Protein backbone atom coordinates (compact mmCIF):
# COMPACT_ATOMS: atom_id res chain seq x y z
CA MET A 1 -21.61 10.53 13.86
CA GLU A 2 -18.65 12.31 12.25
CA VAL A 3 -16.70 10.08 9.86
CA LYS A 4 -13.54 10.38 7.81
CA LEU A 5 -12.45 8.59 4.66
CA THR A 6 -9.19 7.15 3.37
CA ILE A 7 -9.06 6.03 -0.23
CA ASP A 8 -6.26 4.40 -2.21
CA ARG A 9 -6.36 3.89 -5.97
CA GLY A 10 -3.85 1.27 -7.10
CA ASN A 11 -3.09 -0.19 -10.49
CA THR A 12 -5.65 -2.99 -10.20
CA ALA A 13 -8.04 -2.00 -7.41
CA LEU A 14 -9.66 0.88 -5.54
CA LYS A 15 -9.66 0.51 -1.74
CA ALA A 16 -11.44 2.70 0.79
CA ALA A 17 -12.07 2.80 4.54
CA LEU A 18 -14.49 4.85 6.62
CA TRP A 19 -13.14 5.90 10.02
CA SER A 20 -14.48 7.14 13.35
CA ASP A 21 -12.23 9.24 15.59
CA ALA A 22 -13.76 7.63 18.67
CA GLY A 23 -11.27 5.74 20.81
CA GLY A 24 -8.26 7.08 18.93
CA GLY A 25 -9.53 6.13 15.51
CA SER A 26 -10.94 2.92 14.10
CA ILE A 27 -12.23 1.62 10.78
CA ILE A 28 -16.03 1.39 10.75
CA VAL A 29 -16.28 -0.28 7.36
CA SER A 30 -13.98 -0.86 4.39
CA ALA A 31 -14.43 -2.05 0.83
CA LYS A 32 -12.58 -2.79 -2.38
CA GLY A 33 -13.68 -2.02 -5.92
CA ASP A 34 -12.17 -2.69 -9.32
CA GLU A 35 -10.09 -0.14 -11.19
CA THR A 36 -13.10 1.17 -13.18
CA MET A 37 -15.14 2.26 -10.13
CA PRO A 38 -15.25 6.00 -9.40
CA ALA A 39 -13.95 6.92 -5.95
CA GLY A 40 -17.17 8.73 -5.04
CA GLU A 41 -19.25 5.66 -5.83
CA LEU A 42 -17.20 3.50 -3.47
CA ALA A 43 -17.37 6.19 -0.78
CA ALA A 44 -21.17 6.39 -1.11
CA SER A 45 -21.37 2.61 -0.80
CA LEU A 46 -19.38 2.74 2.45
CA LEU A 47 -21.68 5.41 3.85
CA GLY A 48 -24.70 3.27 3.05
CA ARG A 49 -23.17 0.25 4.77
CA ALA A 50 -22.51 2.42 7.84
CA GLY A 51 -26.12 3.63 7.88
CA ILE A 52 -25.19 7.20 6.91
CA GLU A 53 -26.97 9.15 4.19
CA ALA A 54 -24.72 9.88 1.18
CA ARG A 55 -25.23 13.65 1.16
CA PRO A 56 -22.92 16.65 0.72
CA GLY A 57 -20.64 16.95 3.74
CA ALA A 58 -21.46 13.45 5.05
CA ILE A 59 -17.71 12.87 5.35
CA SER A 60 -15.91 15.53 7.36
CA ALA A 61 -12.47 14.92 5.81
CA ALA A 62 -10.94 12.56 3.29
CA VAL A 63 -7.41 11.85 2.16
CA TYR A 64 -6.82 10.32 -1.25
CA CYS A 65 -3.78 8.73 -2.84
CA SER A 66 -3.44 7.30 -6.33
CA VAL A 67 -0.86 5.82 -8.68
CA VAL A 68 -3.25 6.28 -11.64
CA ALA A 69 -2.94 9.88 -12.81
CA SER A 70 -5.66 9.57 -15.46
CA ASP A 71 -8.38 8.99 -12.83
CA ARG A 72 -7.32 11.67 -10.35
CA ALA A 73 -9.47 14.59 -11.52
CA ASP A 74 -12.65 12.50 -11.80
CA ASP A 75 -12.01 10.85 -8.43
CA LEU A 76 -11.47 14.15 -6.64
CA GLU A 77 -14.58 15.66 -8.21
CA SER A 78 -16.72 12.68 -7.18
CA LEU A 79 -15.35 12.77 -3.62
CA GLY A 80 -15.93 16.51 -3.38
CA SER A 81 -19.70 15.99 -3.53
CA LEU A 82 -19.59 13.96 -0.30
CA CYS A 83 -16.65 15.40 1.65
CA THR A 84 -16.21 18.73 3.40
CA GLU A 85 -12.47 18.52 2.69
CA VAL A 86 -10.42 16.27 0.40
CA ILE A 87 -6.63 16.07 0.67
CA ASP A 88 -4.85 14.78 -2.44
CA LEU A 89 -1.71 13.32 -0.87
CA ASN A 90 1.66 14.21 -2.38
CA ALA A 91 5.14 15.05 -1.13
CA SER A 92 4.17 18.69 -0.42
CA THR A 93 1.25 17.75 1.86
CA PRO A 94 1.94 18.81 5.48
CA MET A 95 2.88 15.65 7.37
CA PRO A 96 5.18 14.49 10.19
CA LEU A 97 7.86 13.25 7.78
CA THR A 98 11.02 14.77 6.30
CA ILE A 99 11.38 13.69 2.67
CA ALA A 100 14.99 13.61 1.48
CA TYR A 101 14.11 12.28 -1.99
CA ARG A 102 15.92 14.22 -4.75
CA THR A 103 12.75 14.39 -6.88
CA PRO A 104 9.93 14.55 -4.31
CA GLU A 105 7.40 15.51 -6.97
CA THR A 106 7.83 12.02 -8.49
CA LEU A 107 7.49 10.13 -5.22
CA GLY A 108 4.35 7.98 -5.28
CA ALA A 109 1.63 8.91 -2.82
CA ASP A 110 1.13 5.24 -2.00
CA ARG A 111 4.77 4.99 -0.90
CA ILE A 112 4.38 8.06 1.32
CA ALA A 113 1.20 6.64 2.85
CA ALA A 114 2.83 3.26 3.56
CA VAL A 115 5.76 4.99 5.28
CA LEU A 116 3.38 7.11 7.40
CA GLY A 117 1.48 3.96 8.31
CA ALA A 118 4.69 2.23 9.39
CA LEU A 119 5.57 5.20 11.57
CA ALA A 120 2.08 5.18 13.07
CA ILE A 121 2.35 1.57 14.20
CA ALA A 122 6.11 1.20 14.82
CA GLY A 123 7.27 4.64 15.93
CA ASP A 124 10.37 6.50 14.82
CA SER A 125 13.07 5.35 17.24
CA ARG A 126 14.66 2.77 14.93
CA PRO A 127 15.25 2.45 11.17
CA LEU A 128 12.32 1.12 9.15
CA LEU A 129 12.23 -0.88 5.92
CA VAL A 130 8.74 -0.42 4.51
CA SER A 131 7.72 -2.75 1.70
CA ASP A 132 4.41 -2.71 -0.18
CA ILE A 133 4.28 -5.96 -2.15
CA GLY A 134 1.62 -5.54 -4.83
CA THR A 135 1.62 -5.19 -8.63
CA ALA A 136 4.93 -3.45 -8.07
CA VAL A 137 6.96 -4.02 -4.93
CA THR A 138 8.46 -1.01 -3.21
CA TYR A 139 11.30 -0.94 -0.69
CA ASP A 140 11.51 2.31 1.27
CA PHE A 141 13.97 3.26 4.01
CA VAL A 142 13.14 5.59 6.91
CA ALA A 143 15.88 6.72 9.28
CA PRO A 144 15.19 7.44 12.97
CA GLY A 145 13.62 10.84 13.43
CA ARG A 146 11.09 10.36 10.59
CA ILE A 147 13.52 10.98 7.74
CA TYR A 148 12.59 9.31 4.46
CA LEU A 149 15.87 8.65 2.66
CA GLY A 150 14.62 6.87 -0.46
CA GLY A 151 13.85 3.46 -1.81
CA ASN A 152 13.52 1.19 -4.81
CA ILE A 153 10.79 -0.21 -7.05
CA ALA A 154 10.68 -3.63 -8.73
CA PRO A 155 8.07 -5.84 -10.41
CA GLY A 156 5.80 -7.68 -7.97
CA VAL A 157 5.28 -11.45 -7.82
CA HIS A 158 2.31 -11.60 -10.20
CA LEU A 159 3.84 -9.09 -12.61
CA ARG A 160 7.05 -11.15 -12.88
CA LEU A 161 5.09 -14.24 -13.80
CA ARG A 162 2.85 -12.42 -16.27
CA ALA A 163 5.89 -10.86 -17.94
CA LEU A 164 7.59 -14.25 -18.32
CA ALA A 165 4.48 -15.71 -19.96
CA ALA A 166 3.93 -12.66 -22.18
CA PHE A 167 7.47 -12.09 -23.44
CA THR A 168 8.66 -15.64 -24.03
CA ASP A 169 7.51 -18.25 -26.54
CA THR A 170 7.23 -21.33 -24.35
CA LEU A 171 6.88 -20.33 -20.70
CA PRO A 172 3.33 -20.88 -19.40
CA ALA A 173 0.99 -18.75 -17.31
CA VAL A 174 1.59 -19.68 -13.67
CA ASP A 175 -0.44 -18.84 -10.55
CA PRO A 176 1.89 -17.91 -7.66
CA ASP A 177 -0.80 -18.69 -5.07
CA THR A 178 -1.30 -22.32 -6.13
CA GLY A 179 1.55 -24.83 -5.94
CA ASP A 180 4.86 -25.35 -4.21
CA THR A 181 7.85 -23.00 -4.19
CA PRO A 182 10.87 -25.24 -3.51
CA VAL A 183 14.35 -23.73 -3.43
CA TRP A 184 15.06 -25.54 -6.71
CA GLY A 185 12.03 -25.98 -8.95
CA GLY A 186 11.43 -29.52 -10.20
CA THR A 187 9.11 -28.43 -13.03
CA THR A 188 8.93 -25.34 -15.22
CA ALA A 189 5.89 -24.08 -13.31
CA GLU A 190 7.70 -24.59 -10.00
CA ALA A 191 10.82 -22.90 -11.36
CA MET A 192 8.83 -19.84 -12.41
CA ARG A 193 6.76 -19.71 -9.23
CA SER A 194 9.80 -20.13 -6.99
CA GLY A 195 11.79 -17.63 -9.01
CA ALA A 196 9.10 -14.98 -8.59
CA VAL A 197 8.18 -15.61 -4.96
CA ARG A 198 11.67 -16.35 -3.67
CA GLY A 199 13.08 -13.56 -5.83
CA VAL A 200 10.99 -10.97 -3.98
CA ALA A 201 11.89 -12.61 -0.66
CA ALA A 202 15.59 -12.43 -1.58
CA GLU A 203 15.26 -8.73 -2.41
CA LEU A 204 13.64 -8.13 0.97
CA GLU A 205 16.48 -9.98 2.69
CA TYR A 206 19.06 -7.92 0.77
CA TYR A 207 17.47 -4.57 1.57
CA HIS A 208 17.00 -5.54 5.20
CA ARG A 209 20.72 -6.32 5.48
CA ALA A 210 21.61 -3.09 3.68
CA ALA A 211 19.43 -1.08 6.08
CA GLY A 212 21.18 -2.50 9.16
CA HIS A 213 20.62 -5.25 11.70
CA ASP A 214 18.47 -3.08 13.98
CA THR A 215 16.05 -2.19 11.18
CA LEU A 216 12.41 -3.20 11.60
CA ALA A 217 10.65 -4.39 8.43
CA VAL A 218 7.00 -3.43 7.93
CA LEU A 219 5.19 -5.29 5.17
CA THR A 220 1.90 -4.74 3.36
CA GLY A 221 0.35 -5.34 -0.06
CA GLY A 222 -1.55 -8.18 -1.67
CA SER A 223 1.43 -10.52 -2.02
CA ALA A 224 2.87 -9.96 1.46
CA ALA A 225 0.58 -12.65 2.87
CA LEU A 226 1.85 -15.07 0.22
CA LEU A 227 5.47 -14.63 1.31
CA ILE A 228 4.47 -14.97 4.95
CA LYS A 229 2.48 -18.14 4.22
CA LYS A 230 5.52 -19.66 2.50
CA ASP A 231 7.56 -18.99 5.69
CA ILE A 232 10.71 -18.02 3.77
CA LEU A 233 11.61 -14.70 5.43
CA THR A 234 14.41 -14.94 8.00
CA PHE A 235 14.10 -11.54 9.73
CA ASP A 236 11.55 -10.08 12.13
CA TYR A 237 8.79 -8.04 10.58
CA ILE A 238 5.36 -6.53 11.16
CA HIS A 239 2.64 -7.34 8.63
CA ASP A 240 -0.31 -4.96 8.36
CA PRO A 241 -2.75 -5.21 5.42
CA CYS A 242 -4.18 -1.79 6.36
CA LEU A 243 -0.82 0.00 6.43
CA VAL A 244 -1.57 2.49 3.64
CA HIS A 245 -4.95 3.39 5.13
CA LYS A 246 -3.41 3.87 8.57
CA GLY A 247 -0.86 6.21 7.02
CA LEU A 248 -3.54 8.17 5.21
CA TYR A 249 -5.65 8.43 8.35
CA SER A 250 -2.68 9.74 10.34
CA ILE A 251 -2.81 12.89 8.19
CA ILE A 252 -6.43 13.72 9.10
CA LYS A 253 -6.69 12.03 12.48
CA LYS A 254 -6.47 15.24 14.52
CA GLN A 255 -8.34 17.51 12.15
């Protein structure tokens, strides 16, 4: 069985998925490792779980994206021992997307992958607001015709709370996943939690309005489920936890 690999190194985790092209493409197995795990080790683990020997060329093609520059060379070397071809995604990679960013060389590969994933599941006939809500939260705008016009970056929910606890004398450490988020916090913990969670939601609302009423929002990232669970978003959206991987796979799907 021929398999392909998508792998995404974020600030706090390494995520990978093994794909089969059968039936238009589907994930056979996926896994998540911590930030210290080499990419090749996670890929070999996926092969083992799929019943495939971890040998040279076991993976016909892989596409890799990372926001951690210090790990890139080691990751690519470790993947090279298993993959016939490894694509290190960046703005110059051939893809069905026009990038109108003024400094494309600084555009994060994870942002490109999320946009490609949104196009893969939502099409290109209407404007898209693509938001990856993780350690950082990104807001990216795609115009009809697959034209990436730009976007913004802000601290994510957990990062906002950690920063408040780290850079103030009296504010406590607060878990955004545990406890209420009322519009007006009745305790300091509630005030911090609501400020972080509802702050990101408010940014999403603002950017959705700025993008236009016919814009479709596509959400992903570890904290997207938290906002959805709180039921505080007022616009229509698609939520896909595998958005980045679907974008990465779209690059090698037809190879």
